[in-house]
Amino acid sequence: MKTTAPLFCLALLAAGPALAQNVESGPQASFEAQTGPVTVVSVQPPLPNASEYAVKVADLDADGDQRLSRAEVPDDHALHFEWKLVDRNRDGYVTDDELANWK
C-alpha cells in the first residue's frame, strides 16, 4: 500500500499537462477588479448555427408586416426553439427590438 501512493502521485504529476485545457483559443474579455487585472477566456467552441442568432425580422418576414409570427420561422431555426425566450411581451410576434436582445 505504501509503495503505490508515490507511484500514483508521480503518474498524476506526469498527466497534469495532458489534462490541462487550452484556454488560449477562445474569445477573451479583460477588466480590472479590486484585486488586480482579470482575464476571462471562453473555452466553449463557437455555435455551428451562430449566424441564426444575428437574424433580423426582414430576413424571415414572409408577409411583410415587419414582425415575425411563429409560422414564419423554419422548424429547424434557432429562433423556433427559443421563441418563448425572445417573445418577451408574449404577444405571439417577434420584433426587431426583441431580436436585438436575443444573444
N, C-alpha and C. Protein backbone atom coordinates (compact mmCIF):
# COMPACT_ATOMS: atom_id res chain seq x y z
N MET A 1 0.81 -1.19 0.00
CA MET A 1 0.00 0.00 0.00
C MET A 1 0.86 1.25 0.00
N LYS A 2 1.95 1.24 0.76
CA LYS A 2 2.80 2.41 0.85
C LYS A 2 3.55 2.68 -0.45
N THR A 3 3.84 1.64 -1.23
CA THR A 3 4.59 1.85 -2.47
C THR A 3 3.71 2.35 -3.60
N THR A 4 2.40 2.18 -3.52
CA THR A 4 1.52 2.63 -4.60
C THR A 4 1.24 4.12 -4.52
N ALA A 5 1.26 4.69 -3.33
CA ALA A 5 0.98 6.13 -3.19
C ALA A 5 1.99 6.99 -3.94
N PRO A 6 3.30 6.76 -3.80
CA PRO A 6 4.24 7.58 -4.56
C PRO A 6 4.10 7.37 -6.07
N LEU A 7 3.79 6.17 -6.49
CA LEU A 7 3.61 5.91 -7.92
C LEU A 7 2.38 6.63 -8.45
N PHE A 8 1.32 6.65 -7.66
CA PHE A 8 0.11 7.36 -8.05
C PHE A 8 0.38 8.85 -8.17
N CYS A 9 1.08 9.41 -7.21
CA CYS A 9 1.41 10.85 -7.25
C CYS A 9 2.28 11.18 -8.45
N LEU A 10 3.22 10.33 -8.75
CA LEU A 10 4.08 10.54 -9.90
C LEU A 10 3.28 10.48 -11.20
N ALA A 11 2.37 9.53 -11.30
CA ALA A 11 1.52 9.41 -12.50
C ALA A 11 0.62 10.63 -12.63
N LEU A 12 0.08 11.13 -11.54
CA LEU A 12 -0.78 12.30 -11.56
C LEU A 12 -0.01 13.54 -12.00
N LEU A 13 1.21 13.70 -11.51
CA LEU A 13 2.04 14.84 -11.91
C LEU A 13 2.40 14.77 -13.39
N ALA A 14 2.67 13.58 -13.87
CA ALA A 14 3.02 13.42 -15.29
C ALA A 14 1.82 13.68 -16.19
N ALA A 15 0.62 13.39 -15.72
CA ALA A 15 -0.59 13.57 -16.53
C ALA A 15 -1.10 15.00 -16.51
N GLY A 16 -0.58 15.83 -15.61
CA GLY A 16 -1.05 17.21 -15.47
C GLY A 16 -1.10 18.00 -16.76
N PRO A 17 -0.01 18.07 -17.51
CA PRO A 17 -0.06 18.82 -18.77
C PRO A 17 -1.05 18.24 -19.77
N ALA A 18 -1.24 16.94 -19.77
CA ALA A 18 -2.18 16.33 -20.70
C ALA A 18 -3.62 16.66 -20.33
N LEU A 19 -3.88 16.90 -19.04
CA LEU A 19 -5.22 17.20 -18.59
C LEU A 19 -5.54 18.69 -18.66
N ALA A 20 -4.56 19.53 -18.83
CA ALA A 20 -4.78 20.98 -18.88
C ALA A 20 -5.55 21.37 -20.12
N GLN A 21 -6.43 22.35 -19.98
CA GLN A 21 -7.21 22.85 -21.11
C GLN A 21 -6.45 23.93 -21.84
N ASN A 22 -6.63 23.97 -23.13
CA ASN A 22 -6.05 25.04 -23.92
C ASN A 22 -7.02 26.22 -23.88
N VAL A 23 -6.74 27.19 -23.03
CA VAL A 23 -7.65 28.32 -22.86
C VAL A 23 -7.27 29.51 -23.73
N GLU A 24 -6.29 29.37 -24.55
CA GLU A 24 -5.86 30.47 -25.40
C GLU A 24 -6.65 30.55 -26.70
N SER A 25 -7.57 29.60 -26.95
CA SER A 25 -8.23 29.55 -28.24
C SER A 25 -9.53 30.32 -28.32
N GLY A 26 -10.15 30.66 -27.20
CA GLY A 26 -11.46 31.30 -27.22
C GLY A 26 -11.38 32.81 -27.11
N PRO A 27 -12.55 33.47 -27.25
CA PRO A 27 -12.60 34.92 -27.07
C PRO A 27 -12.22 35.30 -25.65
N GLN A 28 -11.66 36.49 -25.50
CA GLN A 28 -11.20 36.94 -24.20
C GLN A 28 -11.84 38.27 -23.83
N ALA A 29 -12.04 38.47 -22.54
CA ALA A 29 -12.50 39.75 -22.01
C ALA A 29 -11.63 40.08 -20.82
N SER A 30 -11.15 41.30 -20.75
CA SER A 30 -10.30 41.71 -19.63
C SER A 30 -10.96 42.88 -18.91
N PHE A 31 -10.82 42.90 -17.60
CA PHE A 31 -11.32 44.01 -16.81
C PHE A 31 -10.48 44.14 -15.55
N GLU A 32 -10.65 45.23 -14.85
CA GLU A 32 -9.88 45.49 -13.63
C GLU A 32 -10.77 45.22 -12.42
N ALA A 33 -10.33 44.33 -11.56
CA ALA A 33 -11.03 44.03 -10.32
C ALA A 33 -10.29 44.71 -9.18
N GLN A 34 -10.86 44.67 -8.00
CA GLN A 34 -10.22 45.29 -6.83
C GLN A 34 -8.88 44.62 -6.52
N THR A 35 -8.76 43.36 -6.85
CA THR A 35 -7.52 42.63 -6.56
C THR A 35 -6.50 42.71 -7.68
N GLY A 36 -6.87 43.31 -8.80
CA GLY A 36 -5.95 43.42 -9.92
C GLY A 36 -6.62 43.05 -11.24
N PRO A 37 -5.85 43.00 -12.33
CA PRO A 37 -6.44 42.69 -13.63
C PRO A 37 -6.90 41.23 -13.71
N VAL A 38 -8.02 41.03 -14.41
CA VAL A 38 -8.60 39.70 -14.58
C VAL A 38 -8.87 39.50 -16.07
N THR A 39 -8.50 38.34 -16.59
CA THR A 39 -8.80 37.98 -17.96
C THR A 39 -9.67 36.73 -17.96
N VAL A 40 -10.80 36.81 -18.65
CA VAL A 40 -11.72 35.68 -18.75
C VAL A 40 -11.64 35.17 -20.18
N VAL A 41 -11.42 33.87 -20.32
CA VAL A 41 -11.29 33.25 -21.64
C VAL A 41 -12.39 32.21 -21.80
N SER A 42 -13.11 32.28 -22.90
CA SER A 42 -14.13 31.29 -23.18
C SER A 42 -13.50 30.05 -23.80
N VAL A 43 -13.86 28.90 -23.29
CA VAL A 43 -13.36 27.66 -23.86
C VAL A 43 -14.47 26.91 -24.59
N GLN A 44 -15.65 27.52 -24.68
CA GLN A 44 -16.75 26.89 -25.40
C GLN A 44 -16.53 27.11 -26.90
N PRO A 45 -16.66 26.06 -27.71
CA PRO A 45 -16.49 26.25 -29.14
C PRO A 45 -17.62 27.10 -29.70
N PRO A 46 -17.39 27.78 -30.82
CA PRO A 46 -18.45 28.60 -31.41
C PRO A 46 -19.64 27.72 -31.82
N LEU A 47 -20.82 28.30 -31.75
CA LEU A 47 -22.01 27.57 -32.17
C LEU A 47 -22.00 27.35 -33.67
N PRO A 48 -22.39 26.17 -34.13
CA PRO A 48 -22.41 25.93 -35.57
C PRO A 48 -23.49 26.76 -36.27
N ASN A 49 -24.51 27.19 -35.54
CA ASN A 49 -25.59 28.00 -36.13
C ASN A 49 -25.56 29.44 -35.62
N ALA A 50 -24.38 29.95 -35.34
CA ALA A 50 -24.24 31.29 -34.76
C ALA A 50 -24.88 32.36 -35.64
N SER A 51 -24.88 32.20 -36.94
CA SER A 51 -25.46 33.20 -37.84
C SER A 51 -26.97 33.33 -37.63
N GLU A 52 -27.63 32.29 -37.14
CA GLU A 52 -29.07 32.36 -36.89
C GLU A 52 -29.39 33.32 -35.76
N TYR A 53 -28.44 33.55 -34.86
CA TYR A 53 -28.65 34.46 -33.74
C TYR A 53 -28.51 35.92 -34.16
N ALA A 54 -28.07 36.18 -35.37
CA ALA A 54 -27.95 37.54 -35.89
C ALA A 54 -29.08 37.85 -36.87
N VAL A 55 -30.16 37.08 -36.83
CA VAL A 55 -31.26 37.24 -37.77
C VAL A 55 -32.01 38.55 -37.50
N LYS A 56 -32.56 39.10 -38.54
CA LYS A 56 -33.42 40.29 -38.46
C LYS A 56 -34.81 39.89 -38.95
N VAL A 57 -35.80 40.65 -38.57
CA VAL A 57 -37.17 40.35 -38.98
C VAL A 57 -37.26 40.28 -40.50
N ALA A 58 -36.63 41.21 -41.19
CA ALA A 58 -36.71 41.25 -42.66
C ALA A 58 -36.18 39.97 -43.31
N ASP A 59 -35.29 39.25 -42.63
CA ASP A 59 -34.74 38.02 -43.18
C ASP A 59 -35.78 36.90 -43.28
N LEU A 60 -36.77 36.90 -42.40
CA LEU A 60 -37.75 35.82 -42.34
C LEU A 60 -39.19 36.26 -42.53
N ASP A 61 -39.43 37.56 -42.62
CA ASP A 61 -40.79 38.12 -42.68
C ASP A 61 -41.44 37.83 -44.03
N ALA A 62 -42.26 36.80 -44.10
CA ALA A 62 -42.88 36.40 -45.37
C ALA A 62 -44.06 37.28 -45.76
N ASP A 63 -44.80 37.80 -44.78
CA ASP A 63 -45.99 38.58 -45.11
C ASP A 63 -45.76 40.09 -45.11
N GLY A 64 -44.55 40.54 -44.79
CA GLY A 64 -44.20 41.95 -44.88
C GLY A 64 -44.78 42.84 -43.81
N ASP A 65 -45.23 42.27 -42.68
CA ASP A 65 -45.81 43.10 -41.62
C ASP A 65 -44.79 43.61 -40.62
N GLN A 66 -43.52 43.41 -40.89
CA GLN A 66 -42.40 43.89 -40.09
C GLN A 66 -42.37 43.32 -38.68
N ARG A 67 -42.88 42.10 -38.55
CA ARG A 67 -42.80 41.33 -37.32
C ARG A 67 -42.90 39.86 -37.72
N LEU A 68 -42.41 39.00 -36.86
CA LEU A 68 -42.41 37.57 -37.17
C LEU A 68 -43.46 36.84 -36.35
N SER A 69 -44.23 36.02 -37.04
CA SER A 69 -45.08 35.07 -36.33
C SER A 69 -44.32 33.76 -36.27
N ARG A 70 -44.74 32.88 -35.42
CA ARG A 70 -44.03 31.61 -35.27
C ARG A 70 -44.09 30.79 -36.56
N ALA A 71 -45.16 30.96 -37.34
CA ALA A 71 -45.31 30.22 -38.60
C ALA A 71 -44.28 30.65 -39.64
N GLU A 72 -43.73 31.85 -39.52
CA GLU A 72 -42.74 32.34 -40.48
C GLU A 72 -41.33 31.84 -40.20
N VAL A 73 -41.12 31.25 -39.05
CA VAL A 73 -39.78 30.78 -38.65
C VAL A 73 -39.65 29.29 -38.99
N PRO A 74 -38.63 28.91 -39.75
CA PRO A 74 -38.44 27.48 -40.07
C PRO A 74 -38.31 26.62 -38.80
N ASP A 75 -38.80 25.39 -38.89
CA ASP A 75 -38.80 24.48 -37.73
C ASP A 75 -37.41 24.17 -37.20
N ASP A 76 -36.39 24.26 -38.06
CA ASP A 76 -35.03 23.92 -37.62
C ASP A 76 -34.19 25.15 -37.28
N HIS A 77 -34.79 26.32 -37.23
CA HIS A 77 -34.09 27.56 -36.92
C HIS A 77 -33.98 27.73 -35.41
N ALA A 78 -32.89 28.31 -34.94
CA ALA A 78 -32.67 28.53 -33.50
C ALA A 78 -33.80 29.34 -32.88
N LEU A 79 -34.35 30.30 -33.61
CA LEU A 79 -35.44 31.12 -33.09
C LEU A 79 -36.68 30.29 -32.81
N HIS A 80 -36.91 29.27 -33.59
CA HIS A 80 -38.06 28.39 -33.38
C HIS A 80 -37.97 27.72 -32.00
N PHE A 81 -36.78 27.30 -31.63
CA PHE A 81 -36.59 26.61 -30.36
C PHE A 81 -36.58 27.56 -29.16
N GLU A 82 -36.26 28.82 -29.39
CA GLU A 82 -36.15 29.77 -28.29
C GLU A 82 -37.23 30.86 -28.36
N TRP A 83 -38.33 30.54 -29.04
CA TRP A 83 -39.39 31.52 -29.28
C TRP A 83 -39.88 32.17 -27.99
N LYS A 84 -40.18 31.38 -26.97
CA LYS A 84 -40.72 31.94 -25.71
C LYS A 84 -39.72 32.87 -25.03
N LEU A 85 -38.45 32.62 -25.19
CA LEU A 85 -37.41 33.48 -24.62
C LEU A 85 -37.36 34.82 -25.35
N VAL A 86 -37.51 34.79 -26.66
CA VAL A 86 -37.37 36.01 -27.47
C VAL A 86 -38.64 36.86 -27.44
N ASP A 87 -39.80 36.24 -27.50
CA ASP A 87 -41.08 36.96 -27.48
C ASP A 87 -41.36 37.44 -26.06
N ARG A 88 -40.68 38.49 -25.67
CA ARG A 88 -40.69 38.94 -24.27
C ARG A 88 -42.05 39.45 -23.81
N ASN A 89 -42.82 40.06 -24.69
CA ASN A 89 -44.12 40.58 -24.27
C ASN A 89 -45.25 39.57 -24.50
N ARG A 90 -44.91 38.39 -24.96
CA ARG A 90 -45.84 37.26 -25.12
C ARG A 90 -47.06 37.60 -25.98
N ASP A 91 -46.82 38.40 -27.04
CA ASP A 91 -47.93 38.74 -27.93
C ASP A 91 -48.03 37.81 -29.14
N GLY A 92 -47.12 36.85 -29.25
CA GLY A 92 -47.15 35.90 -30.36
C GLY A 92 -46.35 36.36 -31.57
N TYR A 93 -45.72 37.52 -31.46
CA TYR A 93 -44.90 38.05 -32.55
C TYR A 93 -43.54 38.47 -32.01
N VAL A 94 -42.55 38.44 -32.88
CA VAL A 94 -41.20 38.88 -32.52
C VAL A 94 -40.85 40.07 -33.40
N THR A 95 -40.36 41.13 -32.77
CA THR A 95 -39.96 42.34 -33.48
C THR A 95 -38.44 42.45 -33.50
N ASP A 96 -37.96 43.44 -34.27
CA ASP A 96 -36.51 43.67 -34.30
C ASP A 96 -35.98 44.06 -32.93
N ASP A 97 -36.77 44.80 -32.15
CA ASP A 97 -36.33 45.17 -30.79
C ASP A 97 -36.15 43.93 -29.93
N GLU A 98 -37.07 42.98 -30.03
CA GLU A 98 -36.94 41.75 -29.25
C GLU A 98 -35.76 40.92 -29.74
N LEU A 99 -35.53 40.89 -31.04
CA LEU A 99 -34.38 40.16 -31.59
C LEU A 99 -33.07 40.79 -31.17
N ALA A 100 -33.04 42.11 -31.00
CA ALA A 100 -31.81 42.79 -30.61
C ALA A 100 -31.35 42.35 -29.22
N ASN A 101 -32.27 41.93 -28.38
CA ASN A 101 -31.94 41.48 -27.02
C ASN A 101 -31.64 39.99 -26.95
N TRP A 102 -31.78 39.29 -28.06
CA TRP A 102 -31.57 37.84 -28.12
C TRP A 102 -30.15 37.56 -28.53
N LYS A 103 -29.37 36.98 -27.64
CA LYS A 103 -27.98 36.67 -27.95
C LYS A 103 -27.63 35.32 -27.40
